[in-house]
PDB file of all heavy atoms in Angstrom:
ATOM      1  N   SER A   1      90.713 104.890  98.951  1.00  0.00           N
ATOM      2  CA  SER A   1      91.405 103.999  99.795  1.00  0.00           C
ATOM      3  C   SER A   1      92.280 104.773 100.828  1.00  0.00           C
ATOM      4  O   SER A   1      92.578 105.892 100.625  1.00  0.00           O
ATOM      5  CB  SER A   1      92.309 102.987  98.979  1.00  0.00           C
ATOM      6  OG  SER A   1      93.276 103.688  98.308  1.00  0.00           O
ATOM      7  N   LEU A   2      92.630 104.018 101.868  1.00  0.00           N
ATOM      8  CA  LEU A   2      93.464 104.619 103.006  1.00  0.00           C
ATOM      9  C   LEU A   2      94.757 103.816 103.028  1.00  0.00           C
ATOM     10  O   LEU A   2      94.695 102.647 102.991  1.00  0.00           O
ATOM     11  CB  LEU A   2      92.699 104.508 104.328  1.00  0.00           C
ATOM     12  CG  LEU A   2      91.263 104.998 104.401  1.00  0.00           C
ATOM     13  CD1 LEU A   2      90.702 104.764 105.768  1.00  0.00           C
ATOM     14  CD2 LEU A   2      91.114 106.448 104.039  1.00  0.00           C
ATOM     15  N   THR A   3      95.872 104.547 103.197  1.00  0.00           N
ATOM     16  CA  THR A   3      97.093 103.867 103.437  1.00  0.00           C
ATOM     17  C   THR A   3      97.782 104.381 104.662  1.00  0.00           C
ATOM     18  O   THR A   3      97.566 105.584 105.075  1.00  0.00           O
ATOM     19  CB  THR A   3      98.091 104.023 102.269  1.00  0.00           C
ATOM     20  OG1 THR A   3      98.485 105.366 102.094  1.00  0.00           O
ATOM     21  CG2 THR A   3      97.468 103.515 100.939  1.00  0.00           C
ATOM     22  N   ASP A   4      98.613 103.630 105.239  1.00  0.00           N
ATOM     23  CA  ASP A   4      99.401 104.061 106.464  1.00  0.00           C
ATOM     24  C   ASP A   4     100.869 103.665 106.102  1.00  0.00           C
ATOM     25  O   ASP A   4     101.240 102.551 105.964  1.00  0.00           O
ATOM     26  CB  ASP A   4      98.954 103.330 107.704  1.00  0.00           C
ATOM     27  CG  ASP A   4      99.709 103.810 108.969  1.00  0.00           C
ATOM     28  OD1 ASP A   4     100.614 104.666 108.878  1.00  0.00           O
ATOM     29  OD2 ASP A   4      99.344 103.386 110.020  1.00  0.00           O
ATOM     30  N   GLY A   5     101.718 104.712 105.891  1.00  0.00           N
ATOM     31  CA  GLY A   5     103.031 104.483 105.499  1.00  0.00           C
ATOM     32  C   GLY A   5     103.207 103.721 104.161  1.00  0.00           C
ATOM     33  O   GLY A   5     104.104 103.000 103.958  1.00  0.00           O
ATOM     34  N   GLY A   6     102.224 103.924 103.246  1.00  0.00           N
ATOM     35  CA  GLY A   6     102.424 103.225 101.990  1.00  0.00           C
ATOM     36  C   GLY A   6     101.612 101.951 101.870  1.00  0.00           C
ATOM     37  O   GLY A   6     101.505 101.385 100.739  1.00  0.00           O
ATOM     38  N   THR A   7     101.199 101.377 102.950  1.00  0.00           N
ATOM     39  CA  THR A   7     100.496 100.091 102.986  1.00  0.00           C
ATOM     40  C   THR A   7      98.971 100.382 103.092  1.00  0.00           C
ATOM     41  O   THR A   7      98.506 101.094 103.963  1.00  0.00           O
ATOM     42  CB  THR A   7     100.985  99.258 104.209  1.00  0.00           C
ATOM     43  OG1 THR A   7     102.354  99.102 104.126  1.00  0.00           O
ATOM     44  CG2 THR A   7     100.312  97.873 104.223  1.00  0.00           C
ATOM     45  N   VAL A   8      98.238  99.728 102.194  1.00  0.00           N
ATOM     46  CA  VAL A   8      96.789  99.893 102.191  1.00  0.00           C
ATOM     47  C   VAL A   8      96.185  99.342 103.471  1.00  0.00           C
ATOM     48  O   VAL A   8      96.517  98.233 103.905  1.00  0.00           O
ATOM     49  CB  VAL A   8      96.099  99.189 100.955  1.00  0.00           C
ATOM     50  CG1 VAL A   8      94.635  99.258 101.024  1.00  0.00           C
ATOM     51  CG2 VAL A   8      96.613  99.823  99.637  1.00  0.00           C
ATOM     52  N   ILE A   9      95.365 100.088 104.150  1.00  0.00           N
ATOM     53  CA  ILE A   9      94.730  99.633 105.413  1.00  0.00           C
ATOM     54  C   ILE A   9      93.596  98.628 104.970  1.00  0.00           C
ATOM     55  O   ILE A   9      92.727  98.985 104.129  1.00  0.00           O
ATOM     56  CB  ILE A   9      94.163 100.829 106.131  1.00  0.00           C
ATOM     57  CG1 ILE A   9      95.339 101.718 106.564  1.00  0.00           C
ATOM     58  CG2 ILE A   9      93.317 100.353 107.365  1.00  0.00           C
ATOM     59  CD1 ILE A   9      94.897 103.096 107.110  1.00  0.00           C
ATOM     60  N   ALA A  10      93.632  97.457 105.538  1.00  0.00           N
ATOM     61  CA  ALA A  10      92.694  96.436 105.148  1.00  0.00           C
ATOM     62  C   ALA A  10      91.202  96.867 105.264  1.00  0.00           C
ATOM     63  O   ALA A  10      90.844  97.462 106.302  1.00  0.00           O
ATOM     64  CB  ALA A  10      92.860  95.197 106.017  1.00  0.00           C
ATOM     65  N   GLY A  11      90.442  96.552 104.211  1.00  0.00           N
ATOM     66  CA  GLY A  11      89.084  96.974 104.224  1.00  0.00           C
ATOM     67  C   GLY A  11      88.766  98.404 104.021  1.00  0.00           C
ATOM     68  O   GLY A  11      87.567  98.822 104.053  1.00  0.00           O
ATOM     69  N   SER A  12      89.734  99.227 103.690  1.00  0.00           N
ATOM     70  CA  SER A  12      89.478 100.637 103.539  1.00  0.00           C
ATOM     71  C   SER A  12      89.162 101.045 102.067  1.00  0.00           C
ATOM     72  O   SER A  12      88.547 102.100 101.892  1.00  0.00           O
ATOM     73  CB  SER A  12      90.707 101.451 103.950  1.00  0.00           C
ATOM     74  OG  SER A  12      91.794 101.304 103.037  1.00  0.00           O
ATOM     75  N   GLU A  13      89.452 100.206 101.072  1.00  0.00           N
ATOM     76  CA  GLU A  13      89.264 100.576  99.718  1.00  0.00           C
ATOM     77  C   GLU A  13      87.744 100.360  99.384  1.00  0.00           C
ATOM     78  O   GLU A  13      87.137  99.383  99.585  1.00  0.00           O
ATOM     79  CB  GLU A  13      90.079  99.690  98.783  1.00  0.00           C
ATOM     80  CG  GLU A  13      90.020 100.254  97.314  1.00  0.00           C
ATOM     81  CD  GLU A  13      90.980  99.577  96.445  1.00  0.00           C
ATOM     82  OE1 GLU A  13      92.112  99.174  96.948  1.00  0.00           O
ATOM     83  OE2 GLU A  13      90.818  99.634  95.199  1.00  0.00           O
ATOM     84  N   LYS A  14      87.163 101.435  98.845  1.00  0.00           N
ATOM     85  CA  LYS A  14      85.766 101.436  98.410  1.00  0.00           C
ATOM     86  C   LYS A  14      85.607 102.051  97.017  1.00  0.00           C
ATOM     87  O   LYS A  14      86.256 103.095  96.753  1.00  0.00           O
ATOM     88  CB  LYS A  14      84.953 102.197  99.377  1.00  0.00           C
ATOM     89  CG  LYS A  14      84.922 101.683 100.805  1.00  0.00           C
ATOM     90  CD  LYS A  14      84.099 102.558 101.700  1.00  0.00           C
ATOM     91  CE  LYS A  14      84.123 101.993 103.141  1.00  0.00           C
ATOM     92  NZ  LYS A  14      83.348 102.718 104.133  1.00  0.00           N
ATOM     93  N   THR A  15      84.846 101.436  96.171  1.00  0.00           N
ATOM     94  CA  THR A  15      84.433 102.016  94.876  1.00  0.00           C
ATOM     95  C   THR A  15      83.003 102.444  95.128  1.00  0.00           C
ATOM     96  O   THR A  15      82.131 101.654  95.370  1.00  0.00           O
ATOM     97  CB  THR A  15      84.598 101.036  93.746  1.00  0.00           C
ATOM     98  OG1 THR A  15      85.936 100.533  93.632  1.00  0.00           O
ATOM     99  CG2 THR A  15      84.134 101.596  92.402  1.00  0.00           C
ATOM    100  N   LEU A  16      82.792 103.723  94.897  1.00  0.00           N
ATOM    101  CA  LEU A  16      81.532 104.409  95.206  1.00  0.00           C
ATOM    102  C   LEU A  16      80.904 104.978  93.937  1.00  0.00           C
ATOM    103  O   LEU A  16      81.651 105.564  93.113  1.00  0.00           O
ATOM    104  CB  LEU A  16      81.704 105.473  96.263  1.00  0.00           C
ATOM    105  CG  LEU A  16      82.421 104.980  97.565  1.00  0.00           C
ATOM    106  CD1 LEU A  16      82.762 106.203  98.371  1.00  0.00           C
ATOM    107  CD2 LEU A  16      81.571 104.033  98.332  1.00  0.00           C
ATOM    108  N   GLU A  17      79.577 104.968  93.847  1.00  0.00           N
ATOM    109  CA  GLU A  17      78.792 105.698  92.883  1.00  0.00           C
ATOM    110  C   GLU A  17      78.391 106.983  93.553  1.00  0.00           C
ATOM    111  O   GLU A  17      77.625 106.905  94.555  1.00  0.00           O
ATOM    112  CB  GLU A  17      77.646 104.885  92.362  1.00  0.00           C
ATOM    113  CG  GLU A  17      78.056 103.750  91.523  1.00  0.00           C
ATOM    114  CD  GLU A  17      78.676 104.138  90.233  1.00  0.00           C
ATOM    115  OE1 GLU A  17      78.310 105.136  89.637  1.00  0.00           O
ATOM    116  OE2 GLU A  17      79.667 103.346  89.837  1.00  0.00           O
ATOM    117  N   VAL A  18      78.838 108.114  93.088  1.00  0.00           N
ATOM    118  CA  VAL A  18      78.469 109.410  93.714  1.00  0.00           C
ATOM    119  C   VAL A  18      77.976 110.300  92.623  1.00  0.00           C
ATOM    120  O   VAL A  18      78.087 110.054  91.449  1.00  0.00           O
ATOM    121  CB  VAL A  18      79.744 110.037  94.400  1.00  0.00           C
ATOM    122  CG1 VAL A  18      80.234 109.079  95.489  1.00  0.00           C
ATOM    123  CG2 VAL A  18      80.796 110.395  93.431  1.00  0.00           C
ATOM    124  N   GLU A  19      77.395 111.417  93.083  1.00  0.00           N
ATOM    125  CA  GLU A  19      76.852 112.474  92.147  1.00  0.00           C
ATOM    126  C   GLU A  19      78.113 113.121  91.506  1.00  0.00           C
ATOM    127  O   GLU A  19      79.047 113.453  92.265  1.00  0.00           O
ATOM    128  CB  GLU A  19      76.057 113.401  92.846  1.00  0.00           C
ATOM    129  CG  GLU A  19      75.421 114.465  92.011  1.00  0.00           C
ATOM    130  CD  GLU A  19      74.589 115.389  92.792  1.00  0.00           C
ATOM    131  OE1 GLU A  19      73.884 114.979  93.744  1.00  0.00           O
ATOM    132  OE2 GLU A  19      74.519 116.622  92.358  1.00  0.00           O
ATOM    133  N   ALA A  20      78.163 113.194  90.152  1.00  0.00           N
ATOM    134  CA  ALA A  20      79.247 113.923  89.552  1.00  0.00           C
ATOM    135  C   ALA A  20      79.427 115.334  90.148  1.00  0.00           C
ATOM    136  O   ALA A  20      78.447 116.013  90.269  1.00  0.00           O
ATOM    137  CB  ALA A  20      79.041 113.963  87.995  1.00  0.00           C
ATOM    138  N   GLY A  21      80.564 115.682  90.517  1.00  0.00           N
ATOM    139  CA  GLY A  21      80.857 116.945  91.042  1.00  0.00           C
ATOM    140  C   GLY A  21      80.716 116.990  92.594  1.00  0.00           C
ATOM    141  O   GLY A  21      80.800 118.053  93.191  1.00  0.00           O
ATOM    142  N   ALA A  22      80.402 115.841  93.185  1.00  0.00           N
ATOM    143  CA  ALA A  22      80.182 115.821  94.570  1.00  0.00           C
ATOM    144  C   ALA A  22      81.463 116.192  95.337  1.00  0.00           C
ATOM    145  O   ALA A  22      82.571 115.994  94.862  1.00  0.00           O
ATOM    146  CB  ALA A  22      79.815 114.388  95.046  1.00  0.00           C
ATOM    147  N   ASN A  23      81.278 116.765  96.491  1.00  0.00           N
ATOM    148  CA  ASN A  23      82.396 117.267  97.287  1.00  0.00           C
ATOM    149  C   ASN A  23      83.058 116.098  98.022  1.00  0.00           C
ATOM    150  O   ASN A  23      82.349 115.264  98.663  1.00  0.00           O
ATOM    151  CB  ASN A  23      81.702 118.227  98.342  1.00  0.00           C
ATOM    152  CG  ASN A  23      82.665 118.760  99.378  1.00  0.00           C
ATOM    153  OD1 ASN A  23      83.050 117.942 100.193  1.00  0.00           O
ATOM    154  ND2 ASN A  23      82.855 120.035  99.403  1.00  0.00           N
ATOM    155  N   LEU A  24      84.389 115.945  97.968  1.00  0.00           N
ATOM    156  CA  LEU A  24      85.121 114.829  98.499  1.00  0.00           C
ATOM    157  C   LEU A  24      84.904 114.762 100.026  1.00  0.00           C
ATOM    158  O   LEU A  24      84.659 113.662 100.547  1.00  0.00           O
ATOM    159  CB  LEU A  24      86.598 114.913  98.204  1.00  0.00           C
ATOM    160  CG  LEU A  24      87.470 113.881  98.907  1.00  0.00           C
ATOM    161  CD1 LEU A  24      87.076 112.446  98.521  1.00  0.00           C
ATOM    162  CD2 LEU A  24      88.925 114.076  98.537  1.00  0.00           C
ATOM    163  N   LEU A  25      84.943 115.857 100.737  1.00  0.00           N
ATOM    164  CA  LEU A  25      84.728 115.819 102.192  1.00  0.00           C
ATOM    165  C   LEU A  25      83.377 115.285 102.508  1.00  0.00           C
ATOM    166  O   LEU A  25      83.255 114.415 103.404  1.00  0.00           O
ATOM    167  CB  LEU A  25      84.932 117.232 102.747  1.00  0.00           C
ATOM    168  CG  LEU A  25      84.849 117.292 104.319  1.00  0.00           C
ATOM    169  CD1 LEU A  25      85.908 116.377 104.954  1.00  0.00           C
ATOM    170  CD2 LEU A  25      84.947 118.679 104.766  1.00  0.00           C
ATOM    171  N   ALA A  26      82.299 115.690 101.826  1.00  0.00           N
ATOM    172  CA  ALA A  26      80.996 115.208 102.056  1.00  0.00           C
ATOM    173  C   ALA A  26      80.873 113.678 101.788  1.00  0.00           C
ATOM    174  O   ALA A  26      80.365 112.963 102.593  1.00  0.00           O
ATOM    175  CB  ALA A  26      79.932 115.950 101.279  1.00  0.00           C
ATOM    176  N   VAL A  27      81.484 113.221 100.747  1.00  0.00           N
ATOM    177  CA  VAL A  27      81.532 111.790 100.379  1.00  0.00           C
ATOM    178  C   VAL A  27      82.286 110.997 101.430  1.00  0.00           C
ATOM    179  O   VAL A  27      81.885 109.922 101.895  1.00  0.00           O
ATOM    180  CB  VAL A  27      82.148 111.523  99.009  1.00  0.00           C
ATOM    181  CG1 VAL A  27      82.385 110.090  98.668  1.00  0.00           C
ATOM    182  CG2 VAL A  27      81.191 112.132  97.931  1.00  0.00           C
ATOM    183  N   MET A  28      83.400 111.526 101.973  1.00  0.00           N
ATOM    184  CA  MET A  28      84.137 110.892 103.029  1.00  0.00           C
ATOM    185  C   MET A  28      83.261 110.751 104.243  1.00  0.00           C
ATOM    186  O   MET A  28      83.261 109.678 104.857  1.00  0.00           O
ATOM    187  CB  MET A  28      85.409 111.668 103.348  1.00  0.00           C
ATOM    188  CG  MET A  28      86.457 111.587 102.275  1.00  0.00           C
ATOM    189  SD  MET A  28      87.134 109.939 101.943  1.00  0.00           S
ATOM    190  CE  MET A  28      87.920 109.562 103.464  1.00  0.00           C
ATOM    191  N   LYS A  29      82.534 111.810 104.613  1.00  0.00           N
ATOM    192  CA  LYS A  29      81.643 111.793 105.846  1.00  0.00           C
ATOM    193  C   LYS A  29      80.567 110.740 105.641  1.00  0.00           C
ATOM    194  O   LYS A  29      80.133 110.141 106.682  1.00  0.00           O
ATOM    195  CB  LYS A  29      81.164 113.174 106.078  1.00  0.00           C
ATOM    196  CG  LYS A  29      82.140 114.088 106.616  1.00  0.00           C
ATOM    197  CD  LYS A  29      81.634 115.504 106.873  1.00  0.00           C
ATOM    198  CE  LYS A  29      82.586 116.471 107.479  1.00  0.00           C
ATOM    199  NZ  LYS A  29      82.007 117.757 107.694  1.00  0.00           N
ATOM    200  N   GLU A  30      80.069 110.569 104.449  1.00  0.00           N
ATOM    201  CA  GLU A  30      78.981 109.681 104.220  1.00  0.00           C
ATOM    202  C   GLU A  30      79.479 108.193 104.249  1.00  0.00           C
ATOM    203  O   GLU A  30      78.641 107.245 104.540  1.00  0.00           O
ATOM    204  CB  GLU A  30      78.315 109.861 102.833  1.00  0.00           C
ATOM    205  CG  GLU A  30      77.501 111.172 102.825  1.00  0.00           C
ATOM    206  CD  GLU A  30      77.042 111.500 101.412  1.00  0.00           C
ATOM    207  OE1 GLU A  30      77.224 110.695 100.491  1.00  0.00           O
ATOM    208  OE2 GLU A  30      76.609 112.688 101.205  1.00  0.00           O
ATOM    209  N   ASN A  31      80.695 107.924 103.967  1.00  0.00           N
ATOM    210  CA  ASN A  31      81.184 106.572 103.771  1.00  0.00           C
ATOM    211  C   ASN A  31      82.282 106.071 104.784  1.00  0.00           C
ATOM    212  O   ASN A  31      82.603 104.875 104.770  1.00  0.00           O
ATOM    213  CB  ASN A  31      81.725 106.449 102.373  1.00  0.00           C
ATOM    214  CG  ASN A  31      80.624 106.536 101.367  1.00  0.00           C
ATOM    215  OD1 ASN A  31      79.840 105.570 101.123  1.00  0.00           O
ATOM    216  ND2 ASN A  31      80.506 107.692 100.766  1.00  0.00           N
ATOM    217  N   TYR A  32      82.852 107.021 105.517  1.00  0.00           N
ATOM    218  CA  TYR A  32      83.807 106.652 106.534  1.00  0.00           C
ATOM    219  C   TYR A  32      83.462 107.424 107.845  1.00  0.00           C
ATOM    220  O   TYR A  32      82.763 108.468 107.777  1.00  0.00           O
ATOM    221  CB  TYR A  32      85.247 107.113 106.103  1.00  0.00           C
ATOM    222  CG  TYR A  32      85.732 106.406 104.850  1.00  0.00           C
ATOM    223  CD1 TYR A  32      85.421 106.847 103.595  1.00  0.00           C
ATOM    224  CD2 TYR A  32      86.565 105.226 104.995  1.00  0.00           C
ATOM    225  CE1 TYR A  32      85.921 106.222 102.454  1.00  0.00           C
ATOM    226  CE2 TYR A  32      87.034 104.649 103.897  1.00  0.00           C
ATOM    227  CZ  TYR A  32      86.743 105.090 102.651  1.00  0.00           C
ATOM    228  OH  TYR A  32      87.169 104.371 101.488  1.00  0.00           O
ATOM    229  N   THR A  33      84.068 106.980 108.903  1.00  0.00           N
ATOM    230  CA  THR A  33      83.920 107.732 110.190  1.00  0.00           C
ATOM    231  C   THR A  33      85.055 108.743 110.254  1.00  0.00           C
ATOM    232  O   THR A  33      86.208 108.292 110.225  1.00  0.00           O
ATOM    233  CB  THR A  33      83.989 106.764 111.393  1.00  0.00           C
ATOM    234  OG1 THR A  33      83.029 105.740 111.243  1.00  0.00           O
ATOM    235  CG2 THR A  33      83.842 107.571 112.689  1.00  0.00           C
ATOM    236  N   ILE A  34      84.712 110.073 110.241  1.00  0.00           N
ATOM    237  CA  ILE A  34      85.682 111.118 110.152  1.00  0.00           C
ATOM    238  C   ILE A  34      85.682 111.905 111.441  1.00  0.00           C
ATOM    239  O   ILE A  34      84.583 112.254 112.001  1.00  0.00           O
ATOM    240  CB  ILE A  34      85.314 112.048 108.955  1.00  0.00           C
ATOM    241  CG1 ILE A  34      85.203 111.281 107.639  1.00  0.00           C
ATOM    242  CG2 ILE A  34      86.224 113.279 108.921  1.00  0.00           C
ATOM    243  CD1 ILE A  34      86.541 110.738 107.193  1.00  0.00           C
ATOM    244  N   GLU A  35      86.907 112.314 111.830  1.00  0.00           N
ATOM    245  CA  GLU A  35      87.117 113.238 112.939  1.00  0.00           C
ATOM    246  C   GLU A  35      87.807 114.467 112.330  1.00  0.00           C
ATOM    247  O   GLU A  35      88.719 114.264 111.526  1.00  0.00           O
ATOM    248  CB  GLU A  35      87.850 112.650 114.069  1.00  0.00           C
ATOM    249  CG  GLU A  35      87.193 111.559 114.815  1.00  0.00           C
ATOM    250  CD  GLU A  35      87.933 110.910 115.935  1.00  0.00           C
ATOM    251  OE1 GLU A  35      88.771 111.639 116.592  1.00  0.00           O
ATOM    252  OE2 GLU A  35      87.787 109.708 116.123  1.00  0.00           O
ATOM    253  N   GLU A  36      87.409 115.649 112.718  1.00  0.00           N
ATOM    254  CA  GLU A  36      87.973 116.860 112.171  1.00  0.00           C
ATOM    255  C   GLU A  36      88.371 117.831 113.298  1.00  0.00           C
ATOM    256  O   GLU A  36      87.801 117.784 114.406  1.00  0.00           O
ATOM    257  CB  GLU A  36      87.005 117.647 111.308  1.00  0.00           C
ATOM    258  CG  GLU A  36      86.520 116.918 110.082  1.00  0.00           C
ATOM    259  CD  GLU A  36      85.472 117.811 109.376  1.00  0.00           C
ATOM    260  OE1 GLU A  36      85.886 118.675 108.563  1.00  0.00           O
ATOM    261  OE2 GLU A  36      84.279 117.599 109.597  1.00  0.00           O
ATOM    262  N   ALA A  37      89.360 118.679 113.018  1.00  0.00           N
ATOM    263  CA  ALA A  37      89.757 119.772 113.891  1.00  0.00           C
ATOM    264  C   ALA A  37      90.288 120.893 113.032  1.00  0.00           C
ATOM    265  O   ALA A  37      91.145 120.692 112.170  1.00  0.00           O
ATOM    266  CB  ALA A  37      90.814 119.360 114.928  1.00  0.00           C
ATOM    267  N   ASP A  38      89.745 122.078 113.280  1.00  0.00           N
ATOM    268  CA  ASP A  38      90.109 123.282 112.493  1.00  0.00           C
ATOM    269  C   ASP A  38      90.101 123.096 110.965  1.00  0.00           C
ATOM    270  O   ASP A  38      90.981 123.575 110.263  1.00  0.00           O
ATOM    271  CB  ASP A  38      91.559 123.701 112.964  1.00  0.00           C
ATOM    272  CG  ASP A  38      91.635 124.031 114.455  1.00  0.00           C
ATOM    273  OD1 ASP A  38      90.650 124.618 114.973  1.00  0.00           O
ATOM    274  OD2 ASP A  38      92.652 123.690 115.046  1.00  0.00           O
ATOM    275  N   GLY A  39      89.084 122.344 110.557  1.00  0.00           N
ATOM    276  CA  GLY A  39      88.955 122.173 109.095  1.00  0.00           C
ATOM    277  C   GLY A  39      89.846 121.112 108.429  1.00  0.00           C
ATOM    278  O   GLY A  39      89.799 120.912 107.314  1.00  0.00           O
ATOM    279  N   PHE A  40      90.584 120.371 109.250  1.00  0.00           N
ATOM    280  CA  PHE A  40      91.448 119.319 108.814  1.00  0.00           C
ATOM    281  C   PHE A  40      90.927 117.986 109.341  1.00  0.00           C
ATOM    282  O   PHE A  40      90.461 117.837 110.486  1.00  0.00           O
ATOM    283  CB  PHE A  40      92.874 119.501 109.302  1.00  0.00           C
ATOM    284  CG  PHE A  40      93.587 120.672 108.701  1.00  0.00           C
ATOM    285  CD1 PHE A  40      93.622 121.908 109.384  1.00  0.00           C
ATOM    286  CD2 PHE A  40      94.137 120.624 107.458  1.00  0.00           C
ATOM    287  CE1 PHE A  40      94.228 122.982 108.835  1.00  0.00           C
ATOM    288  CE2 PHE A  40      94.754 121.730 106.872  1.00  0.00           C
ATOM    289  CZ  PHE A  40      94.742 122.921 107.582  1.00  0.00           C
ATOM    290  N   ILE A  41      91.067 116.950 108.544  1.00  0.00           N
ATOM    291  CA  ILE A  41      90.689 115.603 108.969  1.00  0.00           C
ATOM    292  C   ILE A  41      91.770 115.062 109.842  1.00  0.00           C
ATOM    293  O   ILE A  41      92.990 115.053 109.469  1.00  0.00           O
ATOM    294  CB  ILE A  41      90.452 114.695 107.739  1.00  0.00           C
ATOM    295  CG1 ILE A  41      89.218 115.124 106.989  1.00  0.00           C
ATOM    296  CG2 ILE A  41      90.373 113.202 108.202  1.00  0.00           C
ATOM    297  CD1 ILE A  41      88.904 114.291 105.724  1.00  0.00           C
ATOM    298  N   THR A  42      91.426 114.578 111.027  1.00  0.00           N
ATOM    299  CA  THR A  42      92.444 114.177 112.005  1.00  0.00           C
ATOM    300  C   THR A  42      92.355 112.626 112.238  1.00  0.00           C
ATOM    301  O   THR A  42      93.349 112.080 112.706  1.00  0.00           O
ATOM    302  CB  THR A  42      92.206 114.876 113.375  1.00  0.00           C
ATOM    303  OG1 THR A  42      90.926 114.603 113.841  1.00  0.00           O
ATOM    304  CG2 THR A  42      92.510 116.334 113.234  1.00  0.00           C
ATOM    305  N   ALA A  43      91.223 112.057 111.811  1.00  0.00           N
ATOM    306  CA  ALA A  43      91.113 110.596 111.951  1.00  0.00           C
ATOM    307  C   ALA A  43      90.113 110.079 110.838  1.00  0.00           C
ATOM    308  O   ALA A  43      89.074 110.746 110.579  1.00  0.00           O
ATOM    309  CB  ALA A  43      90.653 110.160 113.326  1.00  0.00           C
ATOM    310  N   ILE A  44      90.410 108.931 110.310  1.00  0.00           N
ATOM    311  CA  ILE A  44      89.565 108.270 109.345  1.00  0.00           C
ATOM    312  C   ILE A  44      89.340 106.828 109.839  1.00  0.00           C
ATOM    313  O   ILE A  44      90.354 106.126 109.957  1.00  0.00           O
ATOM    314  CB  ILE A  44      90.034 108.328 107.905  1.00  0.00           C
ATOM    315  CG1 ILE A  44      90.313 109.730 107.454  1.00  0.00           C
ATOM    316  CG2 ILE A  44      89.051 107.618 106.975  1.00  0.00           C
ATOM    317  CD1 ILE A  44      91.047 109.793 106.100  1.00  0.00           C
ATOM    318  N   ASP A  45      88.137 106.418 110.031  1.00  0.00           N
ATOM    319  CA  ASP A  45      87.791 105.084 110.552  1.00  0.00           C
ATOM    320  C   ASP A  45      88.704 104.596 111.662  1.00  0.00           C
ATOM    321  O   ASP A  45      89.236 103.512 111.699  1.00  0.00           O
ATOM    322  CB  ASP A  45      87.904 104.038 109.344  1.00  0.00           C
ATOM    323  CG  ASP A  45      86.621 104.084 108.455  1.00  0.00           C
ATOM    324  OD1 ASP A  45      85.684 104.774 108.838  1.00  0.00           O
ATOM    325  OD2 ASP A  45      86.615 103.363 107.477  1.00  0.00           O
TER     326      ASP A  45
END
């Protein structure tokens, strides 16, 4: 899930079935719109 200042962002919570041991960054890229800079996530959805 995603929060902004402690408040859950509407529609952001997802329960996903993933491969055990899957990489969080890869799962995020598959299920959310991600922007990155210098290896850091700068925007999600």
